[in-house]
Amino acid sequence: QVHLVESGGGLVQAGGSLRLSCAASGRTVESYSMGWFRQAPGKVREFVAVISWSGGSTYYADSVEGRFTISRDNAKNTVYLQMNNLKPEDTAVYYCAADTWAQLRVFHESEYWGQGTQVTVSS
């Protein structure tokens, strides 16, 4: 199995930056694509970004394109989400996920989920 632990959430002012980390453990973690999702109060879960461990391909939601960057460090089994120029509408619980590219990108589902980390952006 794969175990995911997010960190790096917190409170930041609009226009500021924050970096989230997702530490993955498990024998086959490198065979999974990994992604980030978020869920704001009263809203459905939203896809944010995905990255392929094998090919380095990435894809972003339109709402974060140009502001967020997903990256990886395979030596540390860690995926990051660098968030710049944050807006109040970015406020949500952010979840790390691990599954195939298709599950994450197309179906917005995942076999494995982290517990989530709260990101709050003030005006």
PDB file of N, CA and C in Angstrom:
ATOM      1  N   GLN A   1       0.818  -1.166   0.000  1.00  0.00           N
ATOM      2  CA  GLN A   1       0.000   0.000   0.000  1.00  0.00           C
ATOM      3  C   GLN A   1       0.875   1.247   0.000  1.00  0.00           C
ATOM      4  N   VAL A   2       0.208   2.397  -0.153  1.00  0.00           N
ATOM      5  CA  VAL A   2       0.883   3.684  -0.153  1.00  0.00           C
ATOM      6  C   VAL A   2       0.295   4.536   0.962  1.00  0.00           C
ATOM      7  N   HIS A   3       1.165   5.132   1.744  1.00  0.00           N
ATOM      8  CA  HIS A   3       0.756   6.023   2.824  1.00  0.00           C
ATOM      9  C   HIS A   3       1.237   7.427   2.498  1.00  0.00           C
ATOM     10  N   LEU A   4       0.345   8.404   2.597  1.00  0.00           N
ATOM     11  CA  LEU A   4       0.639   9.776   2.219  1.00  0.00           C
ATOM     12  C   LEU A   4       0.423  10.701   3.401  1.00  0.00           C
ATOM     13  N   VAL A   5       1.356  11.617   3.597  1.00  0.00           N
ATOM     14  CA  VAL A   5       1.270  12.586   4.681  1.00  0.00           C
ATOM     15  C   VAL A   5       1.581  13.966   4.143  1.00  0.00           C
ATOM     16  N   GLU A   6       0.599  14.871   4.216  1.00  0.00           N
ATOM     17  CA  GLU A   6       0.785  16.244   3.760  1.00  0.00           C
ATOM     18  C   GLU A   6       1.313  17.120   4.891  1.00  0.00           C
ATOM     19  N   SER A   7       1.986  18.191   4.502  1.00  0.00           N
ATOM     20  CA  SER A   7       2.438  19.195   5.447  1.00  0.00           C
ATOM     21  C   SER A   7       2.637  20.512   4.710  1.00  0.00           C
ATOM     22  N   GLY A   8       2.752  21.594   5.460  1.00  0.00           N
ATOM     23  CA  GLY A   8       3.046  22.891   4.883  1.00  0.00           C
ATOM     24  C   GLY A   8       1.887  23.854   4.810  1.00  0.00           C
ATOM     25  N   GLY A   9       0.696  23.420   5.179  1.00  0.00           N
ATOM     26  CA  GLY A   9      -0.445  24.309   5.156  1.00  0.00           C
ATOM     27  C   GLY A   9      -0.356  25.357   6.245  1.00  0.00           C
ATOM     28  N   GLY A  10      -1.191  26.386   6.107  1.00  0.00           N
ATOM     29  CA  GLY A  10      -1.198  27.452   7.089  1.00  0.00           C
ATOM     30  C   GLY A  10      -1.970  28.651   6.613  1.00  0.00           C
ATOM     31  N   LEU A  11      -1.761  29.769   7.291  1.00  0.00           N
ATOM     32  CA  LEU A  11      -2.430  31.030   6.985  1.00  0.00           C
ATOM     33  C   LEU A  11      -1.463  31.959   6.274  1.00  0.00           C
ATOM     34  N   VAL A  12      -1.907  32.541   5.165  1.00  0.00           N
ATOM     35  CA  VAL A  12      -1.069  33.440   4.389  1.00  0.00           C
ATOM     36  C   VAL A  12      -1.932  34.563   3.822  1.00  0.00           C
ATOM     37  N   GLN A  13      -1.339  35.729   3.629  1.00  0.00           N
ATOM     38  CA  GLN A  13      -2.054  36.850   3.037  1.00  0.00           C
ATOM     39  C   GLN A  13      -2.145  36.701   1.524  1.00  0.00           C
ATOM     40  N   ALA A  14      -3.170  37.296   0.940  1.00  0.00           N
ATOM     41  CA  ALA A  14      -3.314  37.287  -0.511  1.00  0.00           C
ATOM     42  C   ALA A  14      -2.053  37.840  -1.165  1.00  0.00           C
ATOM     43  N   GLY A  15      -1.624  37.169  -2.226  1.00  0.00           N
ATOM     44  CA  GLY A  15      -0.400  37.549  -2.909  1.00  0.00           C
ATOM     45  C   GLY A  15       0.833  36.841  -2.391  1.00  0.00           C
ATOM     46  N   GLY A  16       0.700  36.158  -1.285  1.00  0.00           N
ATOM     47  CA  GLY A  16       1.814  35.445  -0.699  1.00  0.00           C
ATOM     48  C   GLY A  16       2.014  34.076  -1.307  1.00  0.00           C
ATOM     49  N   SER A  17       2.974  33.349  -0.761  1.00  0.00           N
ATOM     50  CA  SER A  17       3.338  32.034  -1.273  1.00  0.00           C
ATOM     51  C   SER A  17       3.365  31.007  -0.158  1.00  0.00           C
ATOM     52  N   LEU A  18       3.190  29.761  -0.559  1.00  0.00           N
ATOM     53  CA  LEU A  18       3.201  28.651   0.373  1.00  0.00           C
ATOM     54  C   LEU A  18       3.620  27.406  -0.390  1.00  0.00           C
ATOM     55  N   ARG A  19       4.360  26.522   0.254  1.00  0.00           N
ATOM     56  CA  ARG A  19       4.745  25.269  -0.369  1.00  0.00           C
ATOM     57  C   ARG A  19       4.237  24.095   0.446  1.00  0.00           C
ATOM     58  N   LEU A  20       3.453  23.251  -0.199  1.00  0.00           N
ATOM     59  CA  LEU A  20       2.954  22.038   0.421  1.00  0.00           C
ATOM     60  C   LEU A  20       3.860  20.865   0.074  1.00  0.00           C
ATOM     61  N   SER A  21       3.989  19.941   1.000  1.00  0.00           N
ATOM     62  CA  SER A  21       4.768  18.734   0.779  1.00  0.00           C
ATOM     63  C   SER A  21       3.898  17.513   1.022  1.00  0.00           C
ATOM     64  N   CYS A  22       4.179  16.462   0.287  1.00  0.00           N
ATOM     65  CA  CYS A  22       3.492  15.190   0.457  1.00  0.00           C
ATOM     66  C   CYS A  22       4.534  14.088   0.489  1.00  0.00           C
ATOM     67  N   ALA A  23       4.716  13.494   1.644  1.00  0.00           N
ATOM     68  CA  ALA A  23       5.668  12.402   1.809  1.00  0.00           C
ATOM     69  C   ALA A  23       4.957  11.075   1.595  1.00  0.00           C
ATOM     70  N   ALA A  24       5.479  10.278   0.680  1.00  0.00           N
ATOM     71  CA  ALA A  24       4.885   8.996   0.338  1.00  0.00           C
ATOM     72  C   ALA A  24       5.773   7.859   0.813  1.00  0.00           C
ATOM     73  N   SER A  25       5.142   6.819   1.306  1.00  0.00           N
ATOM     74  CA  SER A  25       5.872   5.633   1.718  1.00  0.00           C
ATOM     75  C   SER A  25       5.195   4.400   1.150  1.00  0.00           C
ATOM     76  N   GLY A  26       5.994   3.393   0.860  1.00  0.00           N
ATOM     77  CA  GLY A  26       5.488   2.168   0.279  1.00  0.00           C
ATOM     78  C   GLY A  26       6.456   1.636  -0.753  1.00  0.00           C
ATOM     79  N   ARG A  27       6.402   0.354  -0.982  1.00  0.00           N
ATOM     80  CA  ARG A  27       7.374  -0.289  -1.862  1.00  0.00           C
ATOM     81  C   ARG A  27       7.252   0.155  -3.316  1.00  0.00           C
ATOM     82  N   THR A  28       6.038   0.466  -3.765  1.00  0.00           N
ATOM     83  CA  THR A  28       5.807   0.759  -5.175  1.00  0.00           C
ATOM     84  C   THR A  28       5.373   2.188  -5.441  1.00  0.00           C
ATOM     85  N   VAL A  29       5.755   3.119  -4.598  1.00  0.00           N
ATOM     86  CA  VAL A  29       5.303   4.495  -4.753  1.00  0.00           C
ATOM     87  C   VAL A  29       5.739   5.105  -6.074  1.00  0.00           C
ATOM     88  N   GLU A  30       6.884   4.710  -6.609  1.00  0.00           N
ATOM     89  CA  GLU A  30       7.382   5.291  -7.848  1.00  0.00           C
ATOM     90  C   GLU A  30       6.589   4.848  -9.063  1.00  0.00           C
ATOM     91  N   SER A  31       5.760   3.848  -8.931  1.00  0.00           N
ATOM     92  CA  SER A  31       4.936   3.397 -10.043  1.00  0.00           C
ATOM     93  C   SER A  31       3.633   4.185 -10.168  1.00  0.00           C
ATOM     94  N   TYR A  32       3.369   5.086  -9.240  1.00  0.00           N
ATOM     95  CA  TYR A  32       2.144   5.870  -9.231  1.00  0.00           C
ATOM     96  C   TYR A  32       2.381   7.287  -9.730  1.00  0.00           C
ATOM     97  N   SER A  33       1.391   7.794 -10.439  1.00  0.00           N
ATOM     98  CA  SER A  33       1.299   9.229 -10.609  1.00  0.00           C
ATOM     99  C   SER A  33       0.773   9.818  -9.305  1.00  0.00           C
ATOM    100  N   MET A  34       1.067  11.079  -9.067  1.00  0.00           N
ATOM    101  CA  MET A  34       0.616  11.712  -7.836  1.00  0.00           C
ATOM    102  C   MET A  34       0.021  13.070  -8.153  1.00  0.00           C
ATOM    103  N   GLY A  35      -0.901  13.476  -7.319  1.00  0.00           N
ATOM    104  CA  GLY A  35      -1.570  14.730  -7.588  1.00  0.00           C
ATOM    105  C   GLY A  35      -2.027  15.449  -6.337  1.00  0.00           C
ATOM    106  N   TRP A  36      -2.557  16.634  -6.578  1.00  0.00           N
ATOM    107  CA  TRP A  36      -3.122  17.454  -5.522  1.00  0.00           C
ATOM    108  C   TRP A  36      -4.561  17.801  -5.862  1.00  0.00           C
ATOM    109  N   PHE A  37      -5.418  17.714  -4.868  1.00  0.00           N
ATOM    110  CA  PHE A  37      -6.807  18.127  -4.959  1.00  0.00           C
ATOM    111  C   PHE A  37      -7.094  19.082  -3.810  1.00  0.00           C
ATOM    112  N   ARG A  38      -8.204  19.783  -3.902  1.00  0.00           N
ATOM    113  CA  ARG A  38      -8.595  20.660  -2.808  1.00  0.00           C
ATOM    114  C   ARG A  38     -10.106  20.687  -2.680  1.00  0.00           C
ATOM    115  N   GLN A  39     -10.565  20.999  -1.490  1.00  0.00           N
ATOM    116  CA  GLN A  39     -11.986  21.095  -1.237  1.00  0.00           C
ATOM    117  C   GLN A  39     -12.246  22.266  -0.298  1.00  0.00           C
ATOM    118  N   ALA A  40     -12.987  23.238  -0.798  1.00  0.00           N
ATOM    119  CA  ALA A  40     -13.362  24.402  -0.014  1.00  0.00           C
ATOM    120  C   ALA A  40     -14.678  24.132   0.703  1.00  0.00           C
ATOM    121  N   PRO A  41     -14.965  24.869   1.774  1.00  0.00           N
ATOM    122  CA  PRO A  41     -16.222  24.666   2.501  1.00  0.00           C
ATOM    123  C   PRO A  41     -17.435  24.811   1.585  1.00  0.00           C
ATOM    124  N   GLY A  42     -18.330  23.832   1.631  1.00  0.00           N
ATOM    125  CA  GLY A  42     -19.544  23.874   0.839  1.00  0.00           C
ATOM    126  C   GLY A  42     -19.367  23.562  -0.630  1.00  0.00           C
ATOM    127  N   LYS A  43     -18.175  23.164  -1.051  1.00  0.00           N
ATOM    128  CA  LYS A  43     -17.921  22.867  -2.453  1.00  0.00           C
ATOM    129  C   LYS A  43     -17.416  21.442  -2.623  1.00  0.00           C
ATOM    130  N   VAL A  44     -17.506  20.957  -3.860  1.00  0.00           N
ATOM    131  CA  VAL A  44     -17.031  19.614  -4.172  1.00  0.00           C
ATOM    132  C   VAL A  44     -15.514  19.615  -4.289  1.00  0.00           C
ATOM    133  N   ARG A  45     -14.955  18.427  -4.230  1.00  0.00           N
ATOM    134  CA  ARG A  45     -13.521  18.274  -4.399  1.00  0.00           C
ATOM    135  C   ARG A  45     -13.101  18.724  -5.792  1.00  0.00           C
ATOM    136  N   GLU A  46     -12.007  19.448  -5.875  1.00  0.00           N
ATOM    137  CA  GLU A  46     -11.532  20.033  -7.118  1.00  0.00           C
ATOM    138  C   GLU A  46     -10.124  19.545  -7.441  1.00  0.00           C
ATOM    139  N   PHE A  47      -9.929  19.153  -8.682  1.00  0.00           N
ATOM    140  CA  PHE A  47      -8.595  18.788  -9.155  1.00  0.00           C
ATOM    141  C   PHE A  47      -7.709  20.018  -9.224  1.00  0.00           C
ATOM    142  N   VAL A  48      -6.452  19.862  -8.813  1.00  0.00           N
ATOM    143  CA  VAL A  48      -5.501  20.965  -8.829  1.00  0.00           C
ATOM    144  C   VAL A  48      -4.348  20.697  -9.790  1.00  0.00           C
ATOM    145  N   ALA A  49      -3.646  19.580  -9.592  1.00  0.00           N
ATOM    146  CA  ALA A  49      -2.472  19.290 -10.410  1.00  0.00           C
ATOM    147  C   ALA A  49      -2.116  17.820 -10.310  1.00  0.00           C
ATOM    148  N   VAL A  50      -1.394  17.317 -11.311  1.00  0.00           N
ATOM    149  CA  VAL A  50      -0.936  15.932 -11.317  1.00  0.00           C
ATOM    150  C   VAL A  50       0.455  15.870 -11.918  1.00  0.00           C
ATOM    151  N   ILE A  51       1.247  14.910 -11.469  1.00  0.00           N
ATOM    152  CA  ILE A  51       2.587  14.704 -11.996  1.00  0.00           C
ATOM    153  C   ILE A  51       2.843  13.217 -12.138  1.00  0.00           C
ATOM    154  N   SER A  52       3.549  12.848 -13.215  1.00  0.00           N
ATOM    155  CA  SER A  52       3.913  11.470 -13.458  1.00  0.00           C
ATOM    156  C   SER A  52       5.309  11.199 -12.929  1.00  0.00           C
ATOM    157  N   TRP A  53       5.445  10.172 -12.128  1.00  0.00           N
ATOM    158  CA  TRP A  53       6.762   9.819 -11.594  1.00  0.00           C
ATOM    159  C   TRP A  53       7.712   9.335 -12.678  1.00  0.00           C
ATOM    160  N   SER A  54       7.185   8.608 -13.661  1.00  0.00           N
ATOM    161  CA  SER A  54       8.041   8.021 -14.684  1.00  0.00           C
ATOM    162  C   SER A  54       8.434   9.008 -15.778  1.00  0.00           C
ATOM    163  N   GLY A  55       7.507   9.877 -16.174  1.00  0.00           N
ATOM    164  CA  GLY A  55       7.769  10.741 -17.307  1.00  0.00           C
ATOM    165  C   GLY A  55       7.944  12.222 -17.001  1.00  0.00           C
ATOM    166  N   GLY A  56       7.615  12.625 -15.789  1.00  0.00           N
ATOM    167  CA  GLY A  56       7.742  14.024 -15.442  1.00  0.00           C
ATOM    168  C   GLY A  56       6.678  14.926 -16.054  1.00  0.00           C
ATOM    169  N   SER A  57       5.643  14.336 -16.624  1.00  0.00           N
ATOM    170  CA  SER A  57       4.566  15.133 -17.204  1.00  0.00           C
ATOM    171  C   SER A  57       3.727  15.755 -16.103  1.00  0.00           C
ATOM    172  N   THR A  58       3.219  16.942 -16.370  1.00  0.00           N
ATOM    173  CA  THR A  58       2.373  17.639 -15.417  1.00  0.00           C
ATOM    174  C   THR A  58       1.145  18.202 -16.107  1.00  0.00           C
ATOM    175  N   TYR A  59       0.114  18.429 -15.320  1.00  0.00           N
ATOM    176  CA  TYR A  59      -1.110  19.038 -15.823  1.00  0.00           C
ATOM    177  C   TYR A  59      -1.752  19.809 -14.686  1.00  0.00           C
ATOM    178  N   TYR A  60      -2.303  20.989 -15.014  1.00  0.00           N
ATOM    179  CA  TYR A  60      -2.863  21.872 -14.002  1.00  0.00           C
ATOM    180  C   TYR A  60      -4.290  22.267 -14.324  1.00  0.00           C
ATOM    181  N   ALA A  61      -5.053  22.506 -13.281  1.00  0.00           N
ATOM    182  CA  ALA A  61      -6.363  23.102 -13.453  1.00  0.00           C
ATOM    183  C   ALA A  61      -6.202  24.541 -13.930  1.00  0.00           C
ATOM    184  N   ASP A  62      -7.156  25.012 -14.727  1.00  0.00           N
ATOM    185  CA  ASP A  62      -7.085  26.371 -15.254  1.00  0.00           C
ATOM    186  C   ASP A  62      -7.000  27.410 -14.141  1.00  0.00           C
ATOM    187  N   SER A  63      -7.638  27.139 -13.023  1.00  0.00           N
ATOM    188  CA  SER A  63      -7.699  28.102 -11.946  1.00  0.00           C
ATOM    189  C   SER A  63      -6.353  28.353 -11.276  1.00  0.00           C
ATOM    190  N   VAL A  64      -5.404  27.427 -11.438  1.00  0.00           N
ATOM    191  CA  VAL A  64      -4.100  27.575 -10.799  1.00  0.00           C
ATOM    192  C   VAL A  64      -2.960  27.660 -11.790  1.00  0.00           C
ATOM    193  N   GLU A  65      -3.229  27.478 -13.067  1.00  0.00           N
ATOM    194  CA  GLU A  65      -2.200  27.525 -14.103  1.00  0.00           C
ATOM    195  C   GLU A  65      -1.435  28.842 -14.032  1.00  0.00           C
ATOM    196  N   GLY A  66      -0.122  28.743 -14.020  1.00  0.00           N
ATOM    197  CA  GLY A  66       0.732  29.917 -13.961  1.00  0.00           C
ATOM    198  C   GLY A  66       1.050  30.386 -12.565  1.00  0.00           C
ATOM    199  N   ARG A  67       0.317  29.908 -11.579  1.00  0.00           N
ATOM    200  CA  ARG A  67       0.557  30.297 -10.192  1.00  0.00           C
ATOM    201  C   ARG A  67       1.101  29.150  -9.343  1.00  0.00           C
ATOM    202  N   PHE A  68       0.649  27.935  -9.625  1.00  0.00           N
ATOM    203  CA  PHE A  68       1.070  26.759  -8.864  1.00  0.00           C
ATOM    204  C   PHE A  68       2.032  25.921  -9.694  1.00  0.00           C
ATOM    205  N   THR A  69       2.949  25.253  -9.022  1.00  0.00           N
ATOM    206  CA  THR A  69       3.883  24.350  -9.676  1.00  0.00           C
ATOM    207  C   THR A  69       3.996  23.059  -8.873  1.00  0.00           C
ATOM    208  N   ILE A  70       3.752  21.936  -9.531  1.00  0.00           N
ATOM    209  CA  ILE A  70       3.920  20.641  -8.895  1.00  0.00           C
ATOM    210  C   ILE A  70       5.280  20.084  -9.286  1.00  0.00           C
ATOM    211  N   SER A  71       5.972  19.481  -8.346  1.00  0.00           N
ATOM    212  CA  SER A  71       7.290  18.933  -8.599  1.00  0.00           C
ATOM    213  C   SER A  71       7.494  17.687  -7.753  1.00  0.00           C
ATOM    214  N   ARG A  72       8.598  17.012  -7.982  1.00  0.00           N
ATOM    215  CA  ARG A  72       8.857  15.767  -7.279  1.00  0.00           C
ATOM    216  C   ARG A  72      10.321  15.653  -6.896  1.00  0.00           C
ATOM    217  N   ASP A  73      10.568  14.857  -5.893  1.00  0.00           N
ATOM    218  CA  ASP A  73      11.913  14.483  -5.489  1.00  0.00           C
ATOM    219  C   ASP A  73      11.851  12.994  -5.195  1.00  0.00           C
ATOM    220  N   ASN A  74      12.179  12.194  -6.186  1.00  0.00           N
ATOM    221  CA  ASN A  74      12.042  10.752  -6.043  1.00  0.00           C
ATOM    222  C   ASN A  74      12.963  10.175  -4.970  1.00  0.00           C
ATOM    223  N   ALA A  75      14.115  10.795  -4.772  1.00  0.00           N
ATOM    224  CA  ALA A  75      15.028  10.312  -3.745  1.00  0.00           C
ATOM    225  C   ALA A  75      14.410  10.408  -2.364  1.00  0.00           C
ATOM    226  N   LYS A  76      13.523  11.379  -2.178  1.00  0.00           N
ATOM    227  CA  LYS A  76      12.853  11.572  -0.897  1.00  0.00           C
ATOM    228  C   LYS A  76      11.416  11.065  -0.906  1.00  0.00           C
ATOM    229  N   ASN A  77      10.986  10.507  -2.038  1.00  0.00           N
ATOM    230  CA  ASN A  77       9.596  10.052  -2.185  1.00  0.00           C
ATOM    231  C   ASN A  77       8.616  11.152  -1.783  1.00  0.00           C
ATOM    232  N   THR A  78       8.870  12.337  -2.283  1.00  0.00           N
ATOM    233  CA  THR A  78       8.093  13.499  -1.884  1.00  0.00           C
ATOM    234  C   THR A  78       7.625  14.284  -3.104  1.00  0.00           C
ATOM    235  N   VAL A  79       6.392  14.746  -3.045  1.00  0.00           N
ATOM    236  CA  VAL A  79       5.814  15.611  -4.063  1.00  0.00           C
ATOM    237  C   VAL A  79       5.495  16.956  -3.424  1.00  0.00           C
ATOM    238  N   TYR A  80       5.724  18.023  -4.175  1.00  0.00           N
ATOM    239  CA  TYR A  80       5.521  19.371  -3.666  1.00  0.00           C
ATOM    240  C   TYR A  80       4.489  20.117  -4.504  1.00  0.00           C
ATOM    241  N   LEU A  81       3.868  21.089  -3.875  1.00  0.00           N
ATOM    242  CA  LEU A  81       3.013  22.023  -4.582  1.00  0.00           C
ATOM    243  C   LEU A  81       3.413  23.427  -4.151  1.00  0.00           C
ATOM    244  N   GLN A  82       4.131  24.118  -5.032  1.00  0.00           N
ATOM    245  CA  GLN A  82       4.512  25.497  -4.781  1.00  0.00           C
ATOM    246  C   GLN A  82       3.374  26.400  -5.224  1.00  0.00           C
ATOM    247  N   MET A  83       2.846  27.183  -4.308  1.00  0.00           N
ATOM    248  CA  MET A  83       1.702  28.043  -4.577  1.00  0.00           C
ATOM    249  C   MET A  83       2.130  29.493  -4.444  1.00  0.00           C
ATOM    250  N   ASN A  84       2.077  30.226  -5.548  1.00  0.00           N
ATOM    251  CA  ASN A  84       2.446  31.629  -5.573  1.00  0.00           C
ATOM    252  C   ASN A  84       1.238  32.492  -5.897  1.00  0.00           C
ATOM    253  N   ASN A  85       1.341  33.770  -5.544  1.00  0.00           N
ATOM    254  CA  ASN A  85       0.258  34.720  -5.795  1.00  0.00           C
ATOM    255  C   ASN A  85      -1.085  34.160  -5.335  1.00  0.00           C
ATOM    256  N   LEU A  86      -1.119  33.726  -4.110  1.00  0.00           N
ATOM    257  CA  LEU A  86      -2.326  33.099  -3.572  1.00  0.00           C
ATOM    258  C   LEU A  86      -3.481  34.079  -3.487  1.00  0.00           C
ATOM    259  N   LYS A  87      -4.676  33.553  -3.706  1.00  0.00           N
ATOM    260  CA  LYS A  87      -5.900  34.325  -3.672  1.00  0.00           C
ATOM    261  C   LYS A  87      -6.832  33.766  -2.609  1.00  0.00           C
ATOM    262  N   PRO A  88      -7.749  34.578  -2.098  1.00  0.00           N
ATOM    263  CA  PRO A  88      -8.698  34.065  -1.105  1.00  0.00           C
ATOM    264  C   PRO A  88      -9.463  32.832  -1.585  1.00  0.00           C
ATOM    265  N   GLU A  89      -9.758  32.751  -2.877  1.00  0.00           N
ATOM    266  CA  GLU A  89     -10.474  31.607  -3.407  1.00  0.00           C
ATOM    267  C   GLU A  89      -9.647  30.323  -3.424  1.00  0.00           C
ATOM    268  N   ASP A  90      -8.358  30.418  -3.112  1.00  0.00           N
ATOM    269  CA  ASP A  90      -7.527  29.228  -2.971  1.00  0.00           C
ATOM    270  C   ASP A  90      -7.702  28.569  -1.608  1.00  0.00           C
ATOM    271  N   THR A  91      -8.411  29.219  -0.713  1.00  0.00           N
ATOM    272  CA  THR A  91      -8.639  28.668   0.615  1.00  0.00           C
ATOM    273  C   THR A  91      -9.373  27.340   0.518  1.00  0.00           C
ATOM    274  N   ALA A  92      -8.792  26.306   1.093  1.00  0.00           N
ATOM    275  CA  ALA A  92      -9.364  24.965   1.029  1.00  0.00           C
ATOM    276  C   ALA A  92      -8.497  24.007   1.824  1.00  0.00           C
ATOM    277  N   VAL A  93      -9.005  22.804   2.004  1.00  0.00           N
ATOM    278  CA  VAL A  93      -8.182  21.708   2.481  1.00  0.00           C
ATOM    279  C   VAL A  93      -7.553  21.050   1.264  1.00  0.00           C
ATOM    280  N   TYR A  94      -6.244  20.925   1.272  1.00  0.00           N
ATOM    281  CA  TYR A  94      -5.517  20.352   0.151  1.00  0.00           C
ATOM    282  C   TYR A  94      -5.129  18.918   0.468  1.00  0.00           C
ATOM    283  N   TYR A  95      -5.418  18.028  -0.485  1.00  0.00           N
ATOM    284  CA  TYR A  95      -5.167  16.606  -0.321  1.00  0.00           C
ATOM    285  C   TYR A  95      -4.168  16.097  -1.344  1.00  0.00           C
ATOM    286  N   CYS A  96      -3.247  15.296  -0.901  1.00  0.00           N
ATOM    287  CA  CYS A  96      -2.326  14.583  -1.773  1.00  0.00           C
ATOM    288  C   CYS A  96      -2.948  13.251  -2.163  1.00  0.00           C
ATOM    289  N   ALA A  97      -2.705  12.815  -3.399  1.00  0.00           N
ATOM    290  CA  ALA A  97      -3.295  11.583  -3.900  1.00  0.00           C
ATOM    291  C   ALA A  97      -2.291  10.799  -4.724  1.00  0.00           C
ATOM    292  N   ALA A  98      -2.464   9.478  -4.763  1.00  0.00           N
ATOM    293  CA  ALA A  98      -1.593   8.598  -5.544  1.00  0.00           C
ATOM    294  C   ALA A  98      -2.428   7.549  -6.263  1.00  0.00           C
ATOM    295  N   ASP A  99      -2.275   7.481  -7.579  1.00  0.00           N
ATOM    296  CA  ASP A  99      -2.977   6.508  -8.404  1.00  0.00           C
ATOM    297  C   ASP A  99      -2.439   6.622  -9.825  1.00  0.00           C
ATOM    298  N   THR A 100      -3.141   6.009 -10.783  1.00  0.00           N
ATOM    299  CA  THR A 100      -2.733   6.149 -12.171  1.00  0.00           C
ATOM    300  C   THR A 100      -3.055   7.545 -12.685  1.00  0.00           C
ATOM    301  N   TRP A 101      -2.408   7.920 -13.781  1.00  0.00           N
ATOM    302  CA  TRP A 101      -2.654   9.210 -14.392  1.00  0.00           C
ATOM    303  C   TRP A 101      -4.131   9.380 -14.728  1.00  0.00           C
ATOM    304  N   ALA A 102      -4.726   8.346 -15.308  1.00  0.00           N
ATOM    305  CA  ALA A 102      -6.114   8.429 -15.731  1.00  0.00           C
ATOM    306  C   ALA A 102      -7.051   8.641 -14.550  1.00  0.00           C
ATOM    307  N   GLN A 103      -6.828   7.925 -13.476  1.00  0.00           N
ATOM    308  CA  GLN A 103      -7.685   8.076 -12.303  1.00  0.00           C
ATOM    309  C   GLN A 103      -7.609   9.495 -11.743  1.00  0.00           C
ATOM    310  N   LEU A 104      -6.426  10.036 -11.673  1.00  0.00           N
ATOM    311  CA  LEU A 104      -6.254  11.363 -11.101  1.00  0.00           C
ATOM    312  C   LEU A 104      -6.716  12.465 -12.042  1.00  0.00           C
ATOM    313  N   ARG A 105      -6.293  12.404 -13.291  1.00  0.00           N
ATOM    314  CA  ARG A 105      -6.552  13.483 -14.227  1.00  0.00           C
ATOM    315  C   ARG A 105      -7.953  13.447 -14.808  1.00  0.00           C
ATOM    316  N   VAL A 106      -8.430  12.263 -15.193  1.00  0.00           N
ATOM    317  CA  VAL A 106      -9.704  12.147 -15.884  1.00  0.00           C
ATOM    318  C   VAL A 106     -10.857  11.928 -14.926  1.00  0.00           C
ATOM    319  N   PHE A 107     -10.713  10.985 -14.020  1.00  0.00           N
ATOM    320  CA  PHE A 107     -11.822  10.608 -13.152  1.00  0.00           C
ATOM    321  C   PHE A 107     -11.826  11.320 -11.808  1.00  0.00           C
ATOM    322  N   HIS A 108     -10.766  12.031 -11.504  1.00  0.00           N
ATOM    323  CA  HIS A 108     -10.649  12.748 -10.232  1.00  0.00           C
ATOM    324  C   HIS A 108     -10.907  11.823  -9.047  1.00  0.00           C
ATOM    325  N   GLU A 109     -10.332  10.650  -9.124  1.00  0.00           N
ATOM    326  CA  GLU A 109     -10.406   9.664  -8.060  1.00  0.00           C
ATOM    327  C   GLU A 109      -9.000   9.193  -7.729  1.00  0.00           C
ATOM    328  N   SER A 110      -8.866   8.535  -6.600  1.00  0.00           N
ATOM    329  CA  SER A 110      -7.553   8.054  -6.207  1.00  0.00           C
ATOM    330  C   SER A 110      -7.689   6.853  -5.285  1.00  0.00           C
ATOM    331  N   GLU A 111      -6.758   5.931  -5.421  1.00  0.00           N
ATOM    332  CA  GLU A 111      -6.731   4.777  -4.529  1.00  0.00           C
ATOM    333  C   GLU A 111      -6.239   5.163  -3.144  1.00  0.00           C
ATOM    334  N   TYR A 112      -5.322   6.127  -3.098  1.00  0.00           N
ATOM    335  CA  TYR A 112      -4.731   6.542  -1.835  1.00  0.00           C
ATOM    336  C   TYR A 112      -4.856   8.040  -1.655  1.00  0.00           C
ATOM    337  N   TRP A 113      -5.174   8.437  -0.442  1.00  0.00           N
ATOM    338  CA  TRP A 113      -5.334   9.844  -0.086  1.00  0.00           C
ATOM    339  C   TRP A 113      -4.598  10.147   1.204  1.00  0.00           C
ATOM    340  N   GLY A 114      -4.082  11.370   1.288  1.00  0.00           N
ATOM    341  CA  GLY A 114      -3.566  11.856   2.549  1.00  0.00           C
ATOM    342  C   GLY A 114      -4.693  12.408   3.398  1.00  0.00           C
ATOM    343  N   GLN A 115      -4.357  12.840   4.589  1.00  0.00           N
ATOM    344  CA  GLN A 115      -5.353  13.362   5.516  1.00  0.00           C
ATOM    345  C   GLN A 115      -5.748  14.801   5.220  1.00  0.00           C
ATOM    346  N   GLY A 116      -4.946  15.510   4.461  1.00  0.00           N
ATOM    347  CA  GLY A 116      -5.248  16.875   4.100  1.00  0.00           C
ATOM    348  C   GLY A 116      -4.542  17.891   4.972  1.00  0.00           C
ATOM    349  N   THR A 117      -4.305  19.060   4.405  1.00  0.00           N
ATOM    350  CA  THR A 117      -3.712  20.165   5.137  1.00  0.00           C
ATOM    351  C   THR A 117      -4.452  21.448   4.777  1.00  0.00           C
ATOM    352  N   GLN A 118      -4.768  22.251   5.777  1.00  0.00           N
ATOM    353  CA  GLN A 118      -5.578  23.446   5.584  1.00  0.00           C
ATOM    354  C   GLN A 118      -4.731  24.599   5.070  1.00  0.00           C
ATOM    355  N   VAL A 119      -5.206  25.238   4.009  1.00  0.00           N
ATOM    356  CA  VAL A 119      -4.602  26.454   3.478  1.00  0.00           C
ATOM    357  C   VAL A 119      -5.645  27.560   3.553  1.00  0.00           C
ATOM    358  N   THR A 120      -5.324  28.638   4.239  1.00  0.00           N
ATOM    359  CA  THR A 120      -6.231  29.763   4.383  1.00  0.00           C
ATOM    360  C   THR A 120      -5.547  31.023   3.880  1.00  0.00           C
ATOM    361  N   VAL A 121      -6.188  31.702   2.937  1.00  0.00           N
ATOM    362  CA  VAL A 121      -5.641  32.916   2.338  1.00  0.00           C
ATOM    363  C   VAL A 121      -6.535  34.082   2.725  1.00  0.00           C
ATOM    364  N   SER A 122      -5.986  35.042   3.419  1.00  0.00           N
ATOM    365  CA  SER A 122      -6.738  36.205   3.871  1.00  0.00           C
ATOM    366  C   SER A 122      -6.631  37.342   2.871  1.00  0.00           C
ATOM    367  N   SER A 123      -7.638  38.224   2.875  1.00  0.00           N
ATOM    368  CA  SER A 123      -7.661  39.363   1.967  1.00  0.00           C
ATOM    369  C   SER A 123      -6.683  40.437   2.401  1.00  0.00           C
TER     370      SER A 123
END
